[in-house]
Amino acid sequence: MALTRLGATNITNSTIANVTALPAGLTNAGKVLQAVTATDSTQRSTTSTGFTLGGSTLTVDITPSSTSSKVYVVCTFTGYPNNTSSNAYFTIYRDATHLGTGSGGFITTWSETGRVIGNPMAISVLDSPSSTSTLTYQMRWAAESGGTTYLTYDGTKSVITAFEIAG
């Protein structure tokens, strides 16, 4: 049996399972503690000018294990506006909190010709919620007044994943 010396603590292979905390000076900071994901393959549309879930299933619940944890959210999808000179807006929410900026969210895409093109997009955000309650992260989207915004072009797969990162 090999012994490893960590400060004043000797740990053997037979006692490693009994370790409940890291020795002083060692940390888990930055490590992924958990991941949750959701997908959607249904093409959807909205004319809403306010950010909406719009029937999408791009929503995940995660419960951080510590108030010092961060949550890294990544969402990949296709989306587009269908009207000439119309904008489509995409963002991430934590519960009722908009994590993007203003009415543009994280991504604003524009159609110059009105052609139907499913633009591949990705949003990522590192959130510091300071909570151990269950949090809901959602990708929401909106249309410019008079326009229509589409999500998940032609049945492609859209994905949202939230990772708890140790603080």
Foldseek 3Di string as FASTA:
>chain_A
DDWDDDPPDIDDPVCPVVDDDDDPPDDQFFPWPDKDKDKDQDKFKDAALAWDLRPPPRKDKDFAPFLQKKKKKKKKWWKDWQDAFKKKAKAKAKPPRTPADDSRHQHIDTHNPSDDDGDIDMDIDIGNRSGRDIIMMGMIMHIDNPIMMMINPPRHMMMMMMTIGHD
